[in-house]
Each structure stands twice: as C-alpha cells, then as structure tokens.
Amino acid sequence: MNDVSAKPVPALSLRPRLLALIGQILDKGDGASLPVDARLSELGMSSIKMVNLMLAVEGEFDLTIPQNEITPDTFRSVTSIEAMLGRLLALKP
C-alpha cells in the first residue's frame, strides 16, 4: 500500500530558490544575504514587485496560490512565504 498522507516539505530546501526569486525581484543578486525574518516591504518590496513575486513563486514551485493565502501576513517575510510553500507543497500529489 502507498502512503498518501501529506508529508511536510522542509523549509530549508525551499529557501535558496525563494531567496533567488526575491533577490532577482529586488535587484539584490541571488538574495542569499537577505534577512529571512525582515519585512519584505522594508527591503524594498513594492506592491507591484509583490505581485511579481507571487507569480514567480507559482511558476518556480509549480503551484497556484489559493486566494485565502494571498495576504499581507503570508507575504510578510521569507520565513512566512516558506511556511505557506511548505503547506501547499505538502498537499501536492
């Protein structure tokens, strides 16, 4: 029998890809030096850049972000986005 229960996705495996996306959108190289708990708005993330980030996250991780996840709290920091990605990717078949 196959175990079809949702398995958590380790946030650390998502981080380099997510930092690279954020770094590219903020024109900060690979994003590796970005503080993961800092508010993205304080790092220069405008509302237009945030929309670009949401689209980039969907493309990079091959998922659709549900409407209920598109909130300021979800996209507050690298850490909060990682948490959302972990939830969504754990539900993917």
PDB file of N, CA and C in Angstrom:
ATOM      1  N   MET A   1       0.820  -1.196   0.000  1.00  0.00           N
ATOM      2  CA  MET A   1       0.000   0.000   0.000  1.00  0.00           C
ATOM      3  C   MET A   1       0.856   1.248   0.000  1.00  0.00           C
ATOM      4  N   ASN A   2       0.381   2.240  -0.693  1.00  0.00           N
ATOM      5  CA  ASN A   2       1.067   3.517  -0.728  1.00  0.00           C
ATOM      6  C   ASN A   2       0.541   4.430   0.360  1.00  0.00           C
ATOM      7  N   ASP A   3       1.438   5.146   1.005  1.00  0.00           N
ATOM      8  CA  ASP A   3       1.050   6.133   1.997  1.00  0.00           C
ATOM      9  C   ASP A   3       0.765   7.438   1.267  1.00  0.00           C
ATOM     10  N   VAL A   4      -0.491   7.873   1.252  1.00  0.00           N
ATOM     11  CA  VAL A   4      -0.858   9.073   0.515  1.00  0.00           C
ATOM     12  C   VAL A   4      -1.036  10.273   1.439  1.00  0.00           C
ATOM     13  N   SER A   5      -0.617  10.128   2.682  1.00  0.00           N
ATOM     14  CA  SER A   5      -0.737  11.260   3.604  1.00  0.00           C
ATOM     15  C   SER A   5       0.227  12.365   3.197  1.00  0.00           C
ATOM     16  N   ALA A   6      -0.151  13.596   3.536  1.00  0.00           N
ATOM     17  CA  ALA A   6       0.686  14.749   3.212  1.00  0.00           C
ATOM     18  C   ALA A   6       1.971  14.704   4.011  1.00  0.00           C
ATOM     19  N   LYS A   7       3.076  14.967   3.343  1.00  0.00           N
ATOM     20  CA  LYS A   7       4.378  14.978   4.005  1.00  0.00           C
ATOM     21  C   LYS A   7       4.900  16.396   4.023  1.00  0.00           C
ATOM     22  N   PRO A   8       5.401  16.852   5.163  1.00  0.00           N
ATOM     23  CA  PRO A   8       5.913  18.217   5.215  1.00  0.00           C
ATOM     24  C   PRO A   8       7.144  18.384   4.343  1.00  0.00           C
ATOM     25  N   VAL A   9       7.250  19.553   3.744  1.00  0.00           N
ATOM     26  CA  VAL A   9       8.407  19.883   2.912  1.00  0.00           C
ATOM     27  C   VAL A   9       9.337  20.742   3.771  1.00  0.00           C
ATOM     28  N   PRO A  10      10.587  20.323   3.950  1.00  0.00           N
ATOM     29  CA  PRO A  10      11.494  21.113   4.780  1.00  0.00           C
ATOM     30  C   PRO A  10      11.698  22.510   4.214  1.00  0.00           C
ATOM     31  N   ALA A  11      11.480  23.514   5.059  1.00  0.00           N
ATOM     32  CA  ALA A  11      11.602  24.910   4.625  1.00  0.00           C
ATOM     33  C   ALA A  11      13.000  25.214   4.105  1.00  0.00           C
ATOM     34  N   LEU A  12      14.016  24.620   4.705  1.00  0.00           N
ATOM     35  CA  LEU A  12      15.388  24.923   4.289  1.00  0.00           C
ATOM     36  C   LEU A  12      15.663  24.508   2.856  1.00  0.00           C
ATOM     37  N   SER A  13      14.949  23.496   2.345  1.00  0.00           N
ATOM     38  CA  SER A  13      15.163  23.095   0.957  1.00  0.00           C
ATOM     39  C   SER A  13      14.509  24.090  -0.009  1.00  0.00           C
ATOM     40  N   LEU A  14      13.548  24.853   0.479  1.00  0.00           N
ATOM     41  CA  LEU A  14      12.877  25.856  -0.338  1.00  0.00           C
ATOM     42  C   LEU A  14      13.623  27.184  -0.341  1.00  0.00           C
ATOM     43  N   ARG A  15      14.335  27.446   0.729  1.00  0.00           N
ATOM     44  CA  ARG A  15      14.919  28.762   0.964  1.00  0.00           C
ATOM     45  C   ARG A  15      15.818  29.261  -0.166  1.00  0.00           C
ATOM     46  N   PRO A  16      16.782  28.481  -0.664  1.00  0.00           N
ATOM     47  CA  PRO A  16      17.661  29.027  -1.721  1.00  0.00           C
ATOM     48  C   PRO A  16      16.887  29.459  -2.965  1.00  0.00           C
ATOM     49  N   ARG A  17      15.910  28.691  -3.362  1.00  0.00           N
ATOM     50  CA  ARG A  17      15.114  29.042  -4.544  1.00  0.00           C
ATOM     51  C   ARG A  17      14.284  30.293  -4.283  1.00  0.00           C
ATOM     52  N   LEU A  18      13.688  30.369  -3.102  1.00  0.00           N
ATOM     53  CA  LEU A  18      12.883  31.526  -2.742  1.00  0.00           C
ATOM     54  C   LEU A  18      13.744  32.785  -2.626  1.00  0.00           C
ATOM     55  N   LEU A  19      14.900  32.670  -1.993  1.00  0.00           N
ATOM     56  CA  LEU A  19      15.809  33.819  -1.877  1.00  0.00           C
ATOM     57  C   LEU A  19      16.271  34.298  -3.251  1.00  0.00           C
ATOM     58  N   ALA A  20      16.510  33.362  -4.154  1.00  0.00           N
ATOM     59  CA  ALA A  20      16.925  33.742  -5.505  1.00  0.00           C
ATOM     60  C   ALA A  20      15.820  34.532  -6.202  1.00  0.00           C
ATOM     61  N   LEU A  21      14.572  34.099  -6.049  1.00  0.00           N
ATOM     62  CA  LEU A  21      13.455  34.833  -6.654  1.00  0.00           C
ATOM     63  C   LEU A  21      13.342  36.241  -6.077  1.00  0.00           C
ATOM     64  N   ILE A  22      13.390  36.332  -4.749  1.00  0.00           N
ATOM     65  CA  ILE A  22      13.263  37.628  -4.090  1.00  0.00           C
ATOM     66  C   ILE A  22      14.437  38.533  -4.445  1.00  0.00           C
ATOM     67  N   GLY A  23      15.646  37.967  -4.456  1.00  0.00           N
ATOM     68  CA  GLY A  23      16.823  38.746  -4.837  1.00  0.00           C
ATOM     69  C   GLY A  23      16.709  39.294  -6.240  1.00  0.00           C
ATOM     70  N   GLN A  24      16.197  38.480  -7.149  1.00  0.00           N
ATOM     71  CA  GLN A  24      16.037  38.920  -8.542  1.00  0.00           C
ATOM     72  C   GLN A  24      15.012  40.052  -8.611  1.00  0.00           C
ATOM     73  N   ILE A  25      13.901  39.931  -7.927  1.00  0.00           N
ATOM     74  CA  ILE A  25      12.849  40.946  -7.976  1.00  0.00           C
ATOM     75  C   ILE A  25      13.309  42.252  -7.329  1.00  0.00           C
ATOM     76  N   LEU A  26      14.103  42.136  -6.256  1.00  0.00           N
ATOM     77  CA  LEU A  26      14.598  43.330  -5.559  1.00  0.00           C
ATOM     78  C   LEU A  26      15.929  43.833  -6.114  1.00  0.00           C
ATOM     79  N   ASP A  27      16.438  43.205  -7.171  1.00  0.00           N
ATOM     80  CA  ASP A  27      17.741  43.558  -7.745  1.00  0.00           C
ATOM     81  C   ASP A  27      18.845  43.448  -6.703  1.00  0.00           C
ATOM     82  N   LYS A  28      18.837  42.365  -5.940  1.00  0.00           N
ATOM     83  CA  LYS A  28      19.844  42.132  -4.898  1.00  0.00           C
ATOM     84  C   LYS A  28      20.567  40.808  -5.139  1.00  0.00           C
ATOM     85  N   GLY A  29      20.903  40.537  -6.368  1.00  0.00           N
ATOM     86  CA  GLY A  29      21.660  39.341  -6.706  1.00  0.00           C
ATOM     87  C   GLY A  29      20.899  38.065  -6.410  1.00  0.00           C
ATOM     88  N   ASP A  30      21.608  37.110  -5.796  1.00  0.00           N
ATOM     89  CA  ASP A  30      20.982  35.810  -5.526  1.00  0.00           C
ATOM     90  C   ASP A  30      20.136  35.820  -4.254  1.00  0.00           C
ATOM     91  N   GLY A  31      20.120  36.927  -3.542  1.00  0.00           N
ATOM     92  CA  GLY A  31      19.287  37.058  -2.353  1.00  0.00           C
ATOM     93  C   GLY A  31      19.806  36.345  -1.126  1.00  0.00           C
ATOM     94  N   ALA A  32      20.967  35.697  -1.239  1.00  0.00           N
ATOM     95  CA  ALA A  32      21.485  34.880  -0.138  1.00  0.00           C
ATOM     96  C   ALA A  32      21.739  35.688   1.133  1.00  0.00           C
ATOM     97  N   SER A  33      22.004  36.978   0.992  1.00  0.00           N
ATOM     98  CA  SER A  33      22.313  37.790   2.173  1.00  0.00           C
ATOM     99  C   SER A  33      21.077  38.477   2.763  1.00  0.00           C
ATOM    100  N   LEU A  34      19.918  38.236   2.186  1.00  0.00           N
ATOM    101  CA  LEU A  34      18.701  38.867   2.702  1.00  0.00           C
ATOM    102  C   LEU A  34      18.317  38.263   4.049  1.00  0.00           C
ATOM    103  N   PRO A  35      17.930  39.093   5.026  1.00  0.00           N
ATOM    104  CA  PRO A  35      17.484  38.567   6.319  1.00  0.00           C
ATOM    105  C   PRO A  35      16.113  37.902   6.167  1.00  0.00           C
ATOM    106  N   VAL A  36      16.012  36.651   6.583  1.00  0.00           N
ATOM    107  CA  VAL A  36      14.798  35.873   6.321  1.00  0.00           C
ATOM    108  C   VAL A  36      13.598  36.286   7.162  1.00  0.00           C
ATOM    109  N   ASP A  37      13.825  36.977   8.266  1.00  0.00           N
ATOM    110  CA  ASP A  37      12.711  37.410   9.103  1.00  0.00           C
ATOM    111  C   ASP A  37      12.346  38.879   8.920  1.00  0.00           C
ATOM    112  N   ALA A  38      13.079  39.593   8.076  1.00  0.00           N
ATOM    113  CA  ALA A  38      12.796  41.009   7.838  1.00  0.00           C
ATOM    114  C   ALA A  38      11.527  41.157   7.003  1.00  0.00           C
ATOM    115  N   ARG A  39      10.819  42.237   7.237  1.00  0.00           N
ATOM    116  CA  ARG A  39       9.645  42.536   6.410  1.00  0.00           C
ATOM    117  C   ARG A  39      10.119  42.844   4.990  1.00  0.00           C
ATOM    118  N   LEU A  40       9.505  42.182   4.031  1.00  0.00           N
ATOM    119  CA  LEU A  40       9.899  42.407   2.637  1.00  0.00           C
ATOM    120  C   LEU A  40       9.661  43.852   2.227  1.00  0.00           C
ATOM    121  N   SER A  41       8.628  44.487   2.778  1.00  0.00           N
ATOM    122  CA  SER A  41       8.367  45.890   2.450  1.00  0.00           C
ATOM    123  C   SER A  41       9.525  46.778   2.891  1.00  0.00           C
ATOM    124  N   GLU A  42      10.186  46.421   3.986  1.00  0.00           N
ATOM    125  CA  GLU A  42      11.330  47.194   4.463  1.00  0.00           C
ATOM    126  C   GLU A  42      12.582  46.949   3.628  1.00  0.00           C
ATOM    127  N   LEU A  43      12.578  45.876   2.866  1.00  0.00           N
ATOM    128  CA  LEU A  43      13.711  45.569   1.992  1.00  0.00           C
ATOM    129  C   LEU A  43      13.523  46.166   0.593  1.00  0.00           C
ATOM    130  N   GLY A  44      12.388  46.849   0.382  1.00  0.00           N
ATOM    131  CA  GLY A  44      12.149  47.484  -0.911  1.00  0.00           C
ATOM    132  C   GLY A  44      11.089  46.819  -1.763  1.00  0.00           C
ATOM    133  N   MET A  45      10.328  45.885  -1.207  1.00  0.00           N
ATOM    134  CA  MET A  45       9.294  45.187  -1.969  1.00  0.00           C
ATOM    135  C   MET A  45       8.055  46.082  -2.069  1.00  0.00           C
ATOM    136  N   SER A  46       7.781  46.567  -3.270  1.00  0.00           N
ATOM    137  CA  SER A  46       6.587  47.387  -3.516  1.00  0.00           C
ATOM    138  C   SER A  46       5.410  46.457  -3.834  1.00  0.00           C
ATOM    139  N   SER A  47       4.235  47.031  -3.956  1.00  0.00           N
ATOM    140  CA  SER A  47       3.061  46.213  -4.265  1.00  0.00           C
ATOM    141  C   SER A  47       3.185  45.573  -5.651  1.00  0.00           C
ATOM    142  N   ILE A  48       3.742  46.288  -6.591  1.00  0.00           N
ATOM    143  CA  ILE A  48       3.932  45.722  -7.937  1.00  0.00           C
ATOM    144  C   ILE A  48       4.943  44.580  -7.894  1.00  0.00           C
ATOM    145  N   LYS A  49       6.032  44.788  -7.172  1.00  0.00           N
ATOM    146  CA  LYS A  49       7.033  43.732  -7.038  1.00  0.00           C
ATOM    147  C   LYS A  49       6.448  42.531  -6.300  1.00  0.00           C
ATOM    148  N   MET A  50       5.546  42.767  -5.355  1.00  0.00           N
ATOM    149  CA  MET A  50       4.926  41.671  -4.622  1.00  0.00           C
ATOM    150  C   MET A  50       4.075  40.806  -5.551  1.00  0.00           C
ATOM    151  N   VAL A  51       3.356  41.439  -6.457  1.00  0.00           N
ATOM    152  CA  VAL A  51       2.572  40.682  -7.442  1.00  0.00           C
ATOM    153  C   VAL A  51       3.524  39.852  -8.305  1.00  0.00           C
ATOM    154  N   ASN A  52       4.633  40.454  -8.712  1.00  0.00           N
ATOM    155  CA  ASN A  52       5.628  39.712  -9.496  1.00  0.00           C
ATOM    156  C   ASN A  52       6.181  38.541  -8.695  1.00  0.00           C
ATOM    157  N   LEU A  53       6.388  38.734  -7.400  1.00  0.00           N
ATOM    158  CA  LEU A  53       6.883  37.658  -6.551  1.00  0.00           C
ATOM    159  C   LEU A  53       5.870  36.525  -6.471  1.00  0.00           C
ATOM    160  N   MET A  54       4.597  36.860  -6.284  1.00  0.00           N
ATOM    161  CA  MET A  54       3.570  35.809  -6.217  1.00  0.00           C
ATOM    162  C   MET A  54       3.551  34.983  -7.506  1.00  0.00           C
ATOM    163  N   LEU A  55       3.620  35.661  -8.636  1.00  0.00           N
ATOM    164  CA  LEU A  55       3.627  34.946  -9.917  1.00  0.00           C
ATOM    165  C   LEU A  55       4.894  34.110 -10.075  1.00  0.00           C
ATOM    166  N   ALA A  56       6.026  34.656  -9.643  1.00  0.00           N
ATOM    167  CA  ALA A  56       7.296  33.924  -9.739  1.00  0.00           C
ATOM    168  C   ALA A  56       7.281  32.692  -8.838  1.00  0.00           C
ATOM    169  N   VAL A  57       6.717  32.820  -7.648  1.00  0.00           N
ATOM    170  CA  VAL A  57       6.617  31.681  -6.723  1.00  0.00           C
ATOM    171  C   VAL A  57       5.746  30.587  -7.349  1.00  0.00           C
ATOM    172  N   GLU A  58       4.628  30.978  -7.934  1.00  0.00           N
ATOM    173  CA  GLU A  58       3.756  29.987  -8.577  1.00  0.00           C
ATOM    174  C   GLU A  58       4.493  29.262  -9.703  1.00  0.00           C
ATOM    175  N   GLY A  59       5.235  30.008 -10.507  1.00  0.00           N
ATOM    176  CA  GLY A  59       5.970  29.391 -11.608  1.00  0.00           C
ATOM    177  C   GLY A  59       7.118  28.514 -11.136  1.00  0.00           C
ATOM    178  N   GLU A  60       7.895  29.014 -10.182  1.00  0.00           N
ATOM    179  CA  GLU A  60       9.064  28.283  -9.685  1.00  0.00           C
ATOM    180  C   GLU A  60       8.683  26.976  -8.989  1.00  0.00           C
ATOM    181  N   PHE A  61       7.608  27.013  -8.224  1.00  0.00           N
ATOM    182  CA  PHE A  61       7.232  25.843  -7.432  1.00  0.00           C
ATOM    183  C   PHE A  61       6.057  25.078  -8.035  1.00  0.00           C
ATOM    184  N   ASP A  62       5.646  25.436  -9.252  1.00  0.00           N
ATOM    185  CA  ASP A  62       4.595  24.743  -9.997  1.00  0.00           C
ATOM    186  C   ASP A  62       3.340  24.546  -9.147  1.00  0.00           C
ATOM    187  N   LEU A  63       2.794  25.662  -8.675  1.00  0.00           N
ATOM    188  CA  LEU A  63       1.573  25.604  -7.882  1.00  0.00           C
ATOM    189  C   LEU A  63       0.763  26.869  -8.097  1.00  0.00           C
ATOM    190  N   THR A  64      -0.464  26.831  -7.642  1.00  0.00           N
ATOM    191  CA  THR A  64      -1.329  28.001  -7.658  1.00  0.00           C
ATOM    192  C   THR A  64      -1.583  28.391  -6.217  1.00  0.00           C
ATOM    193  N   ILE A  65      -1.311  29.639  -5.900  1.00  0.00           N
ATOM    194  CA  ILE A  65      -1.520  30.113  -4.536  1.00  0.00           C
ATOM    195  C   ILE A  65      -3.011  30.392  -4.373  1.00  0.00           C
ATOM    196  N   PRO A  66      -3.669  29.709  -3.439  1.00  0.00           N
ATOM    197  CA  PRO A  66      -5.098  29.944  -3.226  1.00  0.00           C
ATOM    198  C   PRO A  66      -5.356  31.372  -2.735  1.00  0.00           C
ATOM    199  N   GLN A  67      -6.504  31.899  -3.069  1.00  0.00           N
ATOM    200  CA  GLN A  67      -6.868  33.269  -2.699  1.00  0.00           C
ATOM    201  C   GLN A  67      -6.715  33.518  -1.206  1.00  0.00           C
ATOM    202  N   ASN A  68      -7.090  32.543  -0.379  1.00  0.00           N
ATOM    203  CA  ASN A  68      -7.019  32.732   1.081  1.00  0.00           C
ATOM    204  C   ASN A  68      -5.588  32.817   1.603  1.00  0.00           C
ATOM    205  N   GLU A  69      -4.600  32.452   0.788  1.00  0.00           N
ATOM    206  CA  GLU A  69      -3.189  32.552   1.180  1.00  0.00           C
ATOM    207  C   GLU A  69      -2.553  33.870   0.733  1.00  0.00           C
ATOM    208  N   ILE A  70      -3.257  34.623  -0.104  1.00  0.00           N
ATOM    209  CA  ILE A  70      -2.708  35.884  -0.606  1.00  0.00           C
ATOM    210  C   ILE A  70      -3.075  36.984   0.385  1.00  0.00           C
ATOM    211  N   THR A  71      -2.264  37.065   1.425  1.00  0.00           N
ATOM    212  CA  THR A  71      -2.490  38.041   2.489  1.00  0.00           C
ATOM    213  C   THR A  71      -1.166  38.729   2.829  1.00  0.00           C
ATOM    214  N   PRO A  72      -1.245  39.897   3.453  1.00  0.00           N
ATOM    215  CA  PRO A  72      -0.007  40.569   3.883  1.00  0.00           C
ATOM    216  C   PRO A  72       0.803  39.712   4.860  1.00  0.00           C
ATOM    217  N   ASP A  73       0.136  38.963   5.734  1.00  0.00           N
ATOM    218  CA  ASP A  73       0.865  38.117   6.686  1.00  0.00           C
ATOM    219  C   ASP A  73       1.615  36.996   5.983  1.00  0.00           C
ATOM    220  N   THR A  74       1.020  36.407   4.972  1.00  0.00           N
ATOM    221  CA  THR A  74       1.669  35.314   4.244  1.00  0.00           C
ATOM    222  C   THR A  74       2.915  35.795   3.513  1.00  0.00           C
ATOM    223  N   PHE A  75       2.860  37.014   2.984  1.00  0.00           N
ATOM    224  CA  PHE A  75       3.966  37.550   2.190  1.00  0.00           C
ATOM    225  C   PHE A  75       4.748  38.616   2.955  1.00  0.00           C
ATOM    226  N   ARG A  76       4.777  38.496   4.279  1.00  0.00           N
ATOM    227  CA  ARG A  76       5.485  39.455   5.129  1.00  0.00           C
ATOM    228  C   ARG A  76       7.001  39.288   5.037  1.00  0.00           C
ATOM    229  N   SER A  77       7.482  38.039   5.022  1.00  0.00           N
ATOM    230  CA  SER A  77       8.919  37.766   5.067  1.00  0.00           C
ATOM    231  C   SER A  77       9.236  36.481   4.310  1.00  0.00           C
ATOM    232  N   VAL A  78      10.517  36.224   4.163  1.00  0.00           N
ATOM    233  CA  VAL A  78      10.937  34.957   3.548  1.00  0.00           C
ATOM    234  C   VAL A  78      10.393  33.792   4.369  1.00  0.00           C
ATOM    235  N   THR A  79      10.478  33.895   5.674  1.00  0.00           N
ATOM    236  CA  THR A  79      10.021  32.824   6.557  1.00  0.00           C
ATOM    237  C   THR A  79       8.525  32.566   6.399  1.00  0.00           C
ATOM    238  N   SER A  80       7.732  33.610   6.299  1.00  0.00           N
ATOM    239  CA  SER A  80       6.284  33.417   6.173  1.00  0.00           C
ATOM    240  C   SER A  80       5.924  32.801   4.812  1.00  0.00           C
ATOM    241  N   ILE A  81       6.653  33.173   3.769  1.00  0.00           N
ATOM    242  CA  ILE A  81       6.407  32.572   2.451  1.00  0.00           C
ATOM    243  C   ILE A  81       6.821  31.104   2.470  1.00  0.00           C
ATOM    244  N   GLU A  82       7.934  30.801   3.124  1.00  0.00           N
ATOM    245  CA  GLU A  82       8.373  29.401   3.254  1.00  0.00           C
ATOM    246  C   GLU A  82       7.303  28.555   3.933  1.00  0.00           C
ATOM    247  N   ALA A  83       6.695  29.099   4.971  1.00  0.00           N
ATOM    248  CA  ALA A  83       5.655  28.361   5.686  1.00  0.00           C
ATOM    249  C   ALA A  83       4.480  28.055   4.757  1.00  0.00           C
ATOM    250  N   MET A  84       4.073  29.051   3.967  1.00  0.00           N
ATOM    251  CA  MET A  84       2.987  28.832   3.017  1.00  0.00           C
ATOM    252  C   MET A  84       3.369  27.771   1.988  1.00  0.00           C
ATOM    253  N   LEU A  85       4.587  27.875   1.456  1.00  0.00           N
ATOM    254  CA  LEU A  85       5.035  26.896   0.474  1.00  0.00           C
ATOM    255  C   LEU A  85       5.058  25.486   1.057  1.00  0.00           C
ATOM    256  N   GLY A  86       5.519  25.371   2.286  1.00  0.00           N
ATOM    257  CA  GLY A  86       5.528  24.065   2.940  1.00  0.00           C
ATOM    258  C   GLY A  86       4.137  23.469   3.021  1.00  0.00           C
ATOM    259  N   ARG A  87       3.151  24.297   3.387  1.00  0.00           N
ATOM    260  CA  ARG A  87       1.763  23.825   3.473  1.00  0.00           C
ATOM    261  C   ARG A  87       1.255  23.396   2.109  1.00  0.00           C
ATOM    262  N   LEU A  88       1.464  24.240   1.105  1.00  0.00           N
ATOM    263  CA  LEU A  88       0.929  23.958  -0.219  1.00  0.00           C
ATOM    264  C   LEU A  88       1.605  22.763  -0.891  1.00  0.00           C
ATOM    265  N   LEU A  89       2.922  22.692  -0.764  1.00  0.00           N
ATOM    266  CA  LEU A  89       3.647  21.595  -1.409  1.00  0.00           C
ATOM    267  C   LEU A  89       3.375  20.257  -0.721  1.00  0.00           C
ATOM    268  N   ALA A  90       3.083  20.282   0.566  1.00  0.00           N
ATOM    269  CA  ALA A  90       2.753  19.040   1.279  1.00  0.00           C
ATOM    270  C   ALA A  90       1.440  18.458   0.783  1.00  0.00           C
ATOM    271  N   LEU A  91       0.578  19.304   0.243  1.00  0.00           N
ATOM    272  CA  LEU A  91      -0.732  18.853  -0.253  1.00  0.00           C
ATOM    273  C   LEU A  91      -0.689  18.401  -1.711  1.00  0.00           C
ATOM    274  N   LYS A  92       0.423  18.712  -2.393  1.00  0.00           N
ATOM    275  CA  LYS A  92       0.533  18.338  -3.817  1.00  0.00           C
ATOM    276  C   LYS A  92       0.653  16.829  -3.952  1.00  0.00           C
ATOM    277  N   PRO A  93      -0.026  16.298  -4.956  1.00  0.00           N
ATOM    278  CA  PRO A  93       0.086  14.840  -5.190  1.00  0.00           C
ATOM    279  C   PRO A  93       1.457  14.447  -5.701  1.00  0.00           C
TER     280      PRO A  93
END
